């Protein structure tokens, strides 16, 4: 039996079967990756490439690829760089004959455990360490990306605030200009009314005793028109 981190135990046969399934599916995924790489030499993001590879895998094998975590740990191994050489001995998992039995390794009274001579864990551990380093780089990139997004968002908000202030100032100026224009029109109206009233007063006070008959008739008509206008206003 073999101990794992979840507290359960698996037989050597089950471990080997699981490893063979992982290798088989990962090799198929690597071949799909190589095919996509040949089709797209440049101009495609890593995310789009993975999407294309998964679509090709699903088309070829009629099942989705669900071992992303395994691929992240195994993709940088030499044998996956050239999936056409996947039949090399390095890709073959250890057999029961290559396993030596040691006692007391679990330390929990479970009995004998198996110690792999060509331990799978060394490669996985190496891949995990590399993946952690890559994860750190990705984390730093995401942190910088997030800060950039926050800075851009803040600048956009400041720009929108400035635009709103500008519009408010323009509106205030427009309203002030309209107010001034209304006041100017009012002043002009009062000025016209004053001038008109003075002209009417002069006409009404005109002494027609010394005027000719035609002139007298002219002023009398003007006076009648003035009185008619005043009556209509009232």
C-alpha atoms as a PDB file:
ATOM      1  CA  UNK A   1       0.000   0.000   0.000  1.00  0.00           C
ATOM      2  CA  UNK A   2       1.068   3.618  -0.594  1.00  0.00           C
ATOM      3  CA  UNK A   3       0.155   6.586   1.650  1.00  0.00           C
ATOM      4  CA  UNK A   4      -1.043   9.905   0.168  1.00  0.00           C
ATOM      5  CA  UNK A   5      -1.748  13.388   1.538  1.00  0.00           C
ATOM      6  CA  UNK A   6      -5.491  12.787   1.848  1.00  0.00           C
ATOM      7  CA  UNK A   7      -4.999   9.999   4.395  1.00  0.00           C
ATOM      8  CA  UNK A   8      -6.258   7.246   2.098  1.00  0.00           C
ATOM      9  CA  UNK A   9      -4.164   4.396   0.684  1.00  0.00           C
ATOM     10  CA  UNK A  10      -3.761   3.017  -2.830  1.00  0.00           C
ATOM     11  CA  UNK A  11      -2.228  -0.199  -4.113  1.00  0.00           C
ATOM     12  CA  UNK A  12       0.779  -0.183  -6.405  1.00  0.00           C
ATOM     13  CA  UNK A  13      -1.426  -1.443  -9.244  1.00  0.00           C
ATOM     14  CA  UNK A  14      -3.853   1.453  -8.803  1.00  0.00           C
ATOM     15  CA  UNK A  15      -0.974   3.957  -8.685  1.00  0.00           C
ATOM     16  CA  UNK A  16       0.580   2.509 -11.845  1.00  0.00           C
ATOM     17  CA  UNK A  17      -2.785   2.489 -13.595  1.00  0.00           C
ATOM     18  CA  UNK A  18      -3.374   6.114 -12.654  1.00  0.00           C
ATOM     19  CA  UNK A  19       0.124   7.100 -13.822  1.00  0.00           C
ATOM     20  CA  UNK A  20      -0.323   5.300 -17.168  1.00  0.00           C
ATOM     21  CA  UNK A  21      -3.645   7.143 -17.713  1.00  0.00           C
ATOM     22  CA  UNK A  22      -2.022  10.506 -16.944  1.00  0.00           C
ATOM     23  CA  UNK A  23       0.930   9.815 -19.270  1.00  0.00           C
ATOM     24  CA  UNK A  24      -1.347   8.605 -22.071  1.00  0.00           C
ATOM     25  CA  UNK A  25      -3.674  11.616 -21.932  1.00  0.00           C
ATOM     26  CA  UNK A  26      -0.822  14.083 -21.448  1.00  0.00           C
ATOM     27  CA  UNK A  27       1.035  12.635 -24.465  1.00  0.00           C
ATOM     28  CA  UNK A  28      -2.102  13.055 -26.568  1.00  0.00           C
ATOM     29  CA  UNK A  29      -2.449  16.631 -25.340  1.00  0.00           C
ATOM     30  CA  UNK A  30       1.221  17.304 -26.155  1.00  0.00           C
ATOM     31  CA  UNK A  31       0.681  16.073 -29.722  1.00  0.00           C
ATOM     32  CA  UNK A  32      -2.295  18.416 -30.073  1.00  0.00           C
ATOM     33  CA  UNK A  33      -0.135  21.223 -28.708  1.00  0.00           C
ATOM     34  CA  UNK A  34       2.594  20.462 -31.273  1.00  0.00           C
ATOM     35  CA  UNK A  35       0.001  20.492 -34.057  1.00  0.00           C
ATOM     36  CA  UNK A  36      -1.372  23.874 -32.951  1.00  0.00           C
ATOM     37  CA  UNK A  37       2.178  25.271 -32.669  1.00  0.00           C
ATOM     38  CA  UNK A  38       2.871  24.299 -36.281  1.00  0.00           C
ATOM     39  CA  UNK A  39      -0.380  25.913 -37.417  1.00  0.00           C
ATOM     40  CA  UNK A  40       0.188  29.126 -35.467  1.00  0.00           C
ATOM     41  CA  UNK A  41       3.818  30.191 -35.469  1.00  0.00           C
ATOM     42  CA  UNK A  42       3.060  33.621 -33.967  1.00  0.00           C
ATOM     43  CA  UNK A  43       0.292  36.090 -33.306  1.00  0.00           C
ATOM     44  CA  UNK A  44      -1.688  33.923 -30.839  1.00  0.00           C
ATOM     45  CA  UNK A  45      -1.844  34.326 -27.074  1.00  0.00           C
ATOM     46  CA  UNK A  46      -1.071  31.463 -24.702  1.00  0.00           C
ATOM     47  CA  UNK A  47      -4.700  31.428 -23.544  1.00  0.00           C
ATOM     48  CA  UNK A  48      -6.023  31.183 -27.106  1.00  0.00           C
ATOM     49  CA  UNK A  49      -3.458  28.455 -27.862  1.00  0.00           C
ATOM     50  CA  UNK A  50      -4.626  26.343 -24.887  1.00  0.00           C
ATOM     51  CA  UNK A  51      -8.244  26.839 -25.994  1.00  0.00           C
ATOM     52  CA  UNK A  52      -7.368  25.664 -29.521  1.00  0.00           C
ATOM     53  CA  UNK A  53      -5.447  22.652 -28.189  1.00  0.00           C
ATOM     54  CA  UNK A  54      -8.367  21.615 -25.957  1.00  0.00           C
ATOM     55  CA  UNK A  55     -10.764  21.947 -28.878  1.00  0.00           C
ATOM     56  CA  UNK A  56      -8.486  19.785 -31.066  1.00  0.00           C
ATOM     57  CA  UNK A  57      -8.129  17.212 -28.260  1.00  0.00           C
ATOM     58  CA  UNK A  58     -11.921  17.025 -27.889  1.00  0.00           C
ATOM     59  CA  UNK A  59     -12.343  16.656 -31.667  1.00  0.00           C
ATOM     60  CA  UNK A  60      -9.775  13.847 -31.936  1.00  0.00           C
ATOM     61  CA  UNK A  61     -10.507  11.862 -28.771  1.00  0.00           C
ATOM     62  CA  UNK A  62     -14.201  12.697 -28.185  1.00  0.00           C
ATOM     63  CA  UNK A  63     -13.462  13.557 -24.552  1.00  0.00           C
ATOM     64  CA  UNK A  64     -12.378  16.814 -22.908  1.00  0.00           C
ATOM     65  CA  UNK A  65      -8.884  17.184 -21.445  1.00  0.00           C
ATOM     66  CA  UNK A  66      -9.247  17.558 -17.650  1.00  0.00           C
ATOM     67  CA  UNK A  67      -5.624  17.193 -16.492  1.00  0.00           C
ATOM     68  CA  UNK A  68      -4.575  20.848 -16.712  1.00  0.00           C
ATOM     69  CA  UNK A  69      -2.766  20.642 -13.348  1.00  0.00           C
ATOM     70  CA  UNK A  70      -0.790  17.615 -14.562  1.00  0.00           C
ATOM     71  CA  UNK A  71       0.064  19.326 -17.842  1.00  0.00           C
ATOM     72  CA  UNK A  72       1.404  22.392 -15.985  1.00  0.00           C
ATOM     73  CA  UNK A  73       3.745  20.115 -14.019  1.00  0.00           C
ATOM     74  CA  UNK A  74       4.814  17.870 -16.917  1.00  0.00           C
ATOM     75  CA  UNK A  75       4.839  20.157 -19.978  1.00  0.00           C
ATOM     76  CA  UNK A  76       8.463  21.266 -19.476  1.00  0.00           C
ATOM     77  CA  UNK A  77       9.781  17.695 -19.276  1.00  0.00           C
ATOM     78  CA  UNK A  78      12.073  16.780 -22.241  1.00  0.00           C
ATOM     79  CA  UNK A  79       9.901  13.928 -23.466  1.00  0.00           C
ATOM     80  CA  UNK A  80       6.935  16.288 -23.954  1.00  0.00           C
ATOM     81  CA  UNK A  81       9.019  18.695 -26.064  1.00  0.00           C
ATOM     82  CA  UNK A  82       8.829  16.113 -28.862  1.00  0.00           C
ATOM     83  CA  UNK A  83       5.603  14.092 -28.424  1.00  0.00           C
ATOM     84  CA  UNK A  84       6.503  11.886 -31.418  1.00  0.00           C
ATOM     85  CA  UNK A  85       9.204  10.252 -29.260  1.00  0.00           C
ATOM     86  CA  UNK A  86       6.774   9.473 -26.472  1.00  0.00           C
ATOM     87  CA  UNK A  87       7.549   5.733 -26.794  1.00  0.00           C
ATOM     88  CA  UNK A  88      10.987   6.143 -25.213  1.00  0.00           C
ATOM     89  CA  UNK A  89      11.738   4.207 -22.063  1.00  0.00           C
ATOM     90  CA  UNK A  90      11.670   7.372 -19.991  1.00  0.00           C
ATOM     91  CA  UNK A  91       7.905   7.579 -20.481  1.00  0.00           C
ATOM     92  CA  UNK A  92       7.275   4.046 -19.170  1.00  0.00           C
ATOM     93  CA  UNK A  93       6.221   3.954 -15.491  1.00  0.00           C
ATOM     94  CA  UNK A  94       7.987   1.640 -13.053  1.00  0.00           C
ATOM     95  CA  UNK A  95       6.814  -1.950 -12.933  1.00  0.00           C
ATOM     96  CA  UNK A  96       6.178  -4.072  -9.849  1.00  0.00           C
ATOM     97  CA  UNK A  97       9.457  -5.887 -10.540  1.00  0.00           C
ATOM     98  CA  UNK A  98      11.387  -2.594 -10.149  1.00  0.00           C
ATOM     99  CA  UNK A  99       9.854  -1.901  -6.766  1.00  0.00           C
ATOM    100  CA  UNK A 100      11.663  -2.793  -3.562  1.00  0.00           C
ATOM    101  CA  UNK A 101       9.808  -3.303  -0.328  1.00  0.00           C
ATOM    102  CA  UNK A 102      10.784  -1.347   2.770  1.00  0.00           C
ATOM    103  CA  UNK A 103       9.206  -1.455   6.199  1.00  0.00           C
ATOM    104  CA  UNK A 104       7.895   1.250   8.510  1.00  0.00           C
ATOM    105  CA  UNK A 105       8.058   4.161   6.017  1.00  0.00           C
ATOM    106  CA  UNK A 106       4.546   5.430   6.704  1.00  0.00           C
ATOM    107  CA  UNK A 107       5.197   5.626  10.452  1.00  0.00           C
ATOM    108  CA  UNK A 108       1.504   5.062  11.238  1.00  0.00           C
ATOM    109  CA  UNK A 109       1.316   1.281  11.728  1.00  0.00           C
ATOM    110  CA  UNK A 110       0.070   0.616   8.189  1.00  0.00           C
ATOM    111  CA  UNK A 111       2.745  -2.030   7.550  1.00  0.00           C
ATOM    112  CA  UNK A 112       5.008  -2.373   4.520  1.00  0.00           C
ATOM    113  CA  UNK A 113       5.184   0.318   1.824  1.00  0.00           C
ATOM    114  CA  UNK A 114       6.751   0.421  -1.625  1.00  0.00           C
ATOM    115  CA  UNK A 115       9.838   2.441  -2.498  1.00  0.00           C
ATOM    116  CA  UNK A 116      10.126   3.173  -6.241  1.00  0.00           C
ATOM    117  CA  UNK A 117      13.677   2.804  -7.607  1.00  0.00           C
ATOM    118  CA  UNK A 118      12.766   5.133 -10.463  1.00  0.00           C
ATOM    119  CA  UNK A 119      10.567   7.267  -8.273  1.00  0.00           C
ATOM    120  CA  UNK A 120       7.886   9.237 -10.058  1.00  0.00           C
ATOM    121  CA  UNK A 121       7.928  11.846  -7.288  1.00  0.00           C
ATOM    122  CA  UNK A 122      11.330  13.289  -8.239  1.00  0.00           C
ATOM    123  CA  UNK A 123      10.131  14.484 -11.626  1.00  0.00           C
ATOM    124  CA  UNK A 124       6.829  15.671 -10.208  1.00  0.00           C
ATOM    125  CA  UNK A 125       8.575  17.497  -7.354  1.00  0.00           C
ATOM    126  CA  UNK A 126      10.918  19.200  -9.812  1.00  0.00           C
ATOM    127  CA  UNK A 127       7.966  20.211 -11.958  1.00  0.00           C
ATOM    128  CA  UNK A 128       6.133  21.522  -8.872  1.00  0.00           C
ATOM    129  CA  UNK A 129       9.152  23.653  -7.870  1.00  0.00           C
ATOM    130  CA  UNK A 130       9.351  25.068 -11.383  1.00  0.00           C
ATOM    131  CA  UNK A 131       5.605  25.588 -11.422  1.00  0.00           C
ATOM    132  CA  UNK A 132       5.818  27.471  -8.121  1.00  0.00           C
ATOM    133  CA  UNK A 133       8.486  29.747  -9.588  1.00  0.00           C
ATOM    134  CA  UNK A 134       6.309  30.281 -12.653  1.00  0.00           C
ATOM    135  CA  UNK A 135       3.339  30.903 -10.365  1.00  0.00           C
ATOM    136  CA  UNK A 136       5.347  33.548  -8.515  1.00  0.00           C
ATOM    137  CA  UNK A 137       6.171  35.273 -11.796  1.00  0.00           C
ATOM    138  CA  UNK A 138       2.519  35.076 -12.820  1.00  0.00           C
ATOM    139  CA  UNK A 139       1.498  36.460  -9.419  1.00  0.00           C
ATOM    140  CA  UNK A 140       3.883  39.399  -9.801  1.00  0.00           C
ATOM    141  CA  UNK A 141       2.606  39.993 -13.342  1.00  0.00           C
ATOM    142  CA  UNK A 142      -1.016  39.894 -12.167  1.00  0.00           C
ATOM    143  CA  UNK A 143      -0.213  42.275  -9.301  1.00  0.00           C
ATOM    144  CA  UNK A 144       1.408  44.747 -11.711  1.00  0.00           C
ATOM    145  CA  UNK A 145      -1.474  44.281 -14.151  1.00  0.00           C
ATOM    146  CA  UNK A 146      -4.002  44.946 -11.381  1.00  0.00           C
ATOM    147  CA  UNK A 147      -2.126  48.073 -10.294  1.00  0.00           C
ATOM    148  CA  UNK A 148      -2.045  49.276 -13.902  1.00  0.00           C
ATOM    149  CA  UNK A 149      -5.793  48.697 -14.212  1.00  0.00           C
ATOM    150  CA  UNK A 150      -6.369  50.598 -10.954  1.00  0.00           C
ATOM    151  CA  UNK A 151      -4.186  53.481 -12.188  1.00  0.00           C
ATOM    152  CA  UNK A 152      -6.002  53.605 -15.529  1.00  0.00           C
ATOM    153  CA  UNK A 153      -9.363  53.468 -13.746  1.00  0.00           C
ATOM    154  CA  UNK A 154      -8.329  56.304 -11.439  1.00  0.00           C
ATOM    155  CA  UNK A 155      -7.152  58.391 -14.395  1.00  0.00           C
ATOM    156  CA  UNK A 156     -10.434  57.722 -16.206  1.00  0.00           C
ATOM    157  CA  UNK A 157     -12.393  58.774 -13.120  1.00  0.00           C
ATOM    158  CA  UNK A 158     -10.305  61.944 -12.829  1.00  0.00           C
ATOM    159  CA  UNK A 159     -10.859  62.636 -16.522  1.00  0.00           C
ATOM    160  CA  UNK A 160     -14.616  62.157 -16.122  1.00  0.00           C
ATOM    161  CA  UNK A 161     -14.613  64.453 -13.081  1.00  0.00           C
ATOM    162  CA  UNK A 162     -12.754  67.139 -15.048  1.00  0.00           C
ATOM    163  CA  UNK A 163     -15.202  66.753 -17.926  1.00  0.00           C
ATOM    164  CA  UNK A 164     -18.155  67.116 -15.547  1.00  0.00           C
ATOM    165  CA  UNK A 165     -16.585  70.215 -14.009  1.00  0.00           C
ATOM    166  CA  UNK A 166     -15.952  71.627 -17.465  1.00  0.00           C
ATOM    167  CA  UNK A 167     -19.564  71.016 -18.494  1.00  0.00           C
ATOM    168  CA  UNK A 168     -20.791  72.627 -15.267  1.00  0.00           C
ATOM    169  CA  UNK A 169     -18.632  75.696 -15.904  1.00  0.00           C
ATOM    170  CA  UNK A 170     -19.807  75.902 -19.526  1.00  0.00           C
ATOM    171  CA  UNK A 171     -23.432  75.629 -18.361  1.00  0.00           C
ATOM    172  CA  UNK A 172     -22.877  78.332 -15.758  1.00  0.00           C
ATOM    173  CA  UNK A 173     -21.280  80.568 -18.368  1.00  0.00           C
ATOM    174  CA  UNK A 174     -24.132  79.919 -20.781  1.00  0.00           C
ATOM    175  CA  UNK A 175     -26.738  80.703 -18.138  1.00  0.00           C
ATOM    176  CA  UNK A 176     -24.876  83.876 -17.157  1.00  0.00           C
ATOM    177  CA  UNK A 177     -24.621  84.917 -20.793  1.00  0.00           C
ATOM    178  CA  UNK A 178     -28.352  84.304 -21.278  1.00  0.00           C
ATOM    179  CA  UNK A 179     -29.131  86.338 -18.156  1.00  0.00           C
ATOM    180  CA  UNK A 180     -27.002  89.226 -19.408  1.00  0.00           C
ATOM    181  CA  UNK A 181     -28.699  89.042 -22.803  1.00  0.00           C
ATOM    182  CA  UNK A 182     -32.143  89.152 -21.185  1.00  0.00           C
ATOM    183  CA  UNK A 183     -31.108  92.161 -19.101  1.00  0.00           C
ATOM    184  CA  UNK A 184     -29.766  93.895 -22.206  1.00  0.00           C
ATOM    185  CA  UNK A 185     -33.023  93.270 -24.074  1.00  0.00           C
ATOM    186  CA  UNK A 186     -34.983  94.574 -21.081  1.00  0.00           C
ATOM    187  CA  UNK A 187     -32.876  97.731 -20.963  1.00  0.00           C
ATOM    188  CA  UNK A 188     -33.281  98.258 -24.696  1.00  0.00           C
ATOM    189  CA  UNK A 189     -37.036  97.761 -24.354  1.00  0.00           C
ATOM    190  CA  UNK A 190     -37.287 100.281 -21.536  1.00  0.00           C
ATOM    191  CA  UNK A 191     -35.105 102.708 -23.463  1.00  0.00           C
ATOM    192  CA  UNK A 192     -37.370 102.357 -26.504  1.00  0.00           C
ATOM    193  CA  UNK A 193     -40.497 102.781 -24.404  1.00  0.00           C
ATOM    194  CA  UNK A 194     -39.030 105.916 -22.791  1.00  0.00           C
ATOM    195  CA  UNK A 195     -38.105 107.383 -26.160  1.00  0.00           C
ATOM    196  CA  UNK A 196     -41.532 106.500 -27.563  1.00  0.00           C
ATOM    197  CA  UNK A 197     -43.300 108.036 -24.559  1.00  0.00           C
ATOM    198  CA  UNK A 198     -41.320 111.269 -24.864  1.00  0.00           C
ATOM    199  CA  UNK A 199     -42.110 111.421 -28.599  1.00  0.00           C
ATOM    200  CA  UNK A 200     -45.801 110.861 -27.867  1.00  0.00           C
ATOM    201  CA  UNK A 201     -45.776 113.521 -25.163  1.00  0.00           C
ATOM    202  CA  UNK A 202     -44.248 116.032 -27.582  1.00  0.00           C
ATOM    203  CA  UNK A 203     -46.863 115.166 -30.182  1.00  0.00           C
ATOM    204  CA  UNK A 204     -49.699 115.483 -27.668  1.00  0.00           C
ATOM    205  CA  UNK A 205     -48.379 118.832 -26.387  1.00  0.00           C
ATOM    206  CA  UNK A 206     -47.892 120.248 -29.892  1.00  0.00           C
ATOM    207  CA  UNK A 207     -49.415 123.701 -30.361  1.00  0.00           C
ATOM    208  CA  UNK A 208     -51.385 123.465 -33.632  1.00  0.00           C
ATOM    209  CA  UNK A 209     -52.865 126.984 -33.509  1.00  0.00           C
ATOM    210  CA  UNK A 210     -50.236 128.378 -35.803  1.00  0.00           C
ATOM    211  CA  UNK A 211     -50.039 125.417 -38.173  1.00  0.00           C
ATOM    212  CA  UNK A 212     -51.616 125.143 -41.575  1.00  0.00           C
ATOM    213  CA  UNK A 213     -54.784 123.118 -42.031  1.00  0.00           C
ATOM    214  CA  UNK A 214     -52.850 120.146 -43.405  1.00  0.00           C
ATOM    215  CA  UNK A 215     -50.251 120.267 -40.610  1.00  0.00           C
ATOM    216  CA  UNK A 216     -52.951 120.579 -38.009  1.00  0.00           C
ATOM    217  CA  UNK A 217     -54.787 117.574 -39.479  1.00  0.00           C
ATOM    218  CA  UNK A 218     -51.532 115.553 -39.433  1.00  0.00           C
ATOM    219  CA  UNK A 219     -50.868 116.170 -35.736  1.00  0.00           C
ATOM    220  CA  UNK A 220     -54.493 115.629 -34.813  1.00  0.00           C
ATOM    221  CA  UNK A 221     -54.356 112.188 -36.519  1.00  0.00           C
ATOM    222  CA  UNK A 222     -51.120 111.334 -34.673  1.00  0.00           C
ATOM    223  CA  UNK A 223     -52.705 112.361 -31.404  1.00  0.00           C
ATOM    224  CA  UNK A 224     -55.717 110.117 -32.088  1.00  0.00           C
ATOM    225  CA  UNK A 225     -53.410 107.150 -32.863  1.00  0.00           C
ATOM    226  CA  UNK A 226     -51.480 107.768 -29.639  1.00  0.00           C
ATOM    227  CA  UNK A 227     -54.672 107.755 -27.579  1.00  0.00           C
ATOM    228  CA  UNK A 228     -55.871 104.588 -29.348  1.00  0.00           C
ATOM    229  CA  UNK A 229     -52.601 102.758 -28.514  1.00  0.00           C
ATOM    230  CA  UNK A 230     -52.754 103.828 -24.885  1.00  0.00           C
ATOM    231  CA  UNK A 231     -56.363 102.696 -24.647  1.00  0.00           C
ATOM    232  CA  UNK A 232     -55.499  99.239 -26.093  1.00  0.00           C
ATOM    233  CA  UNK A 233     -52.601  98.817 -23.619  1.00  0.00           C
ATOM    234  CA  UNK A 234     -54.866  99.567 -20.705  1.00  0.00           C
END
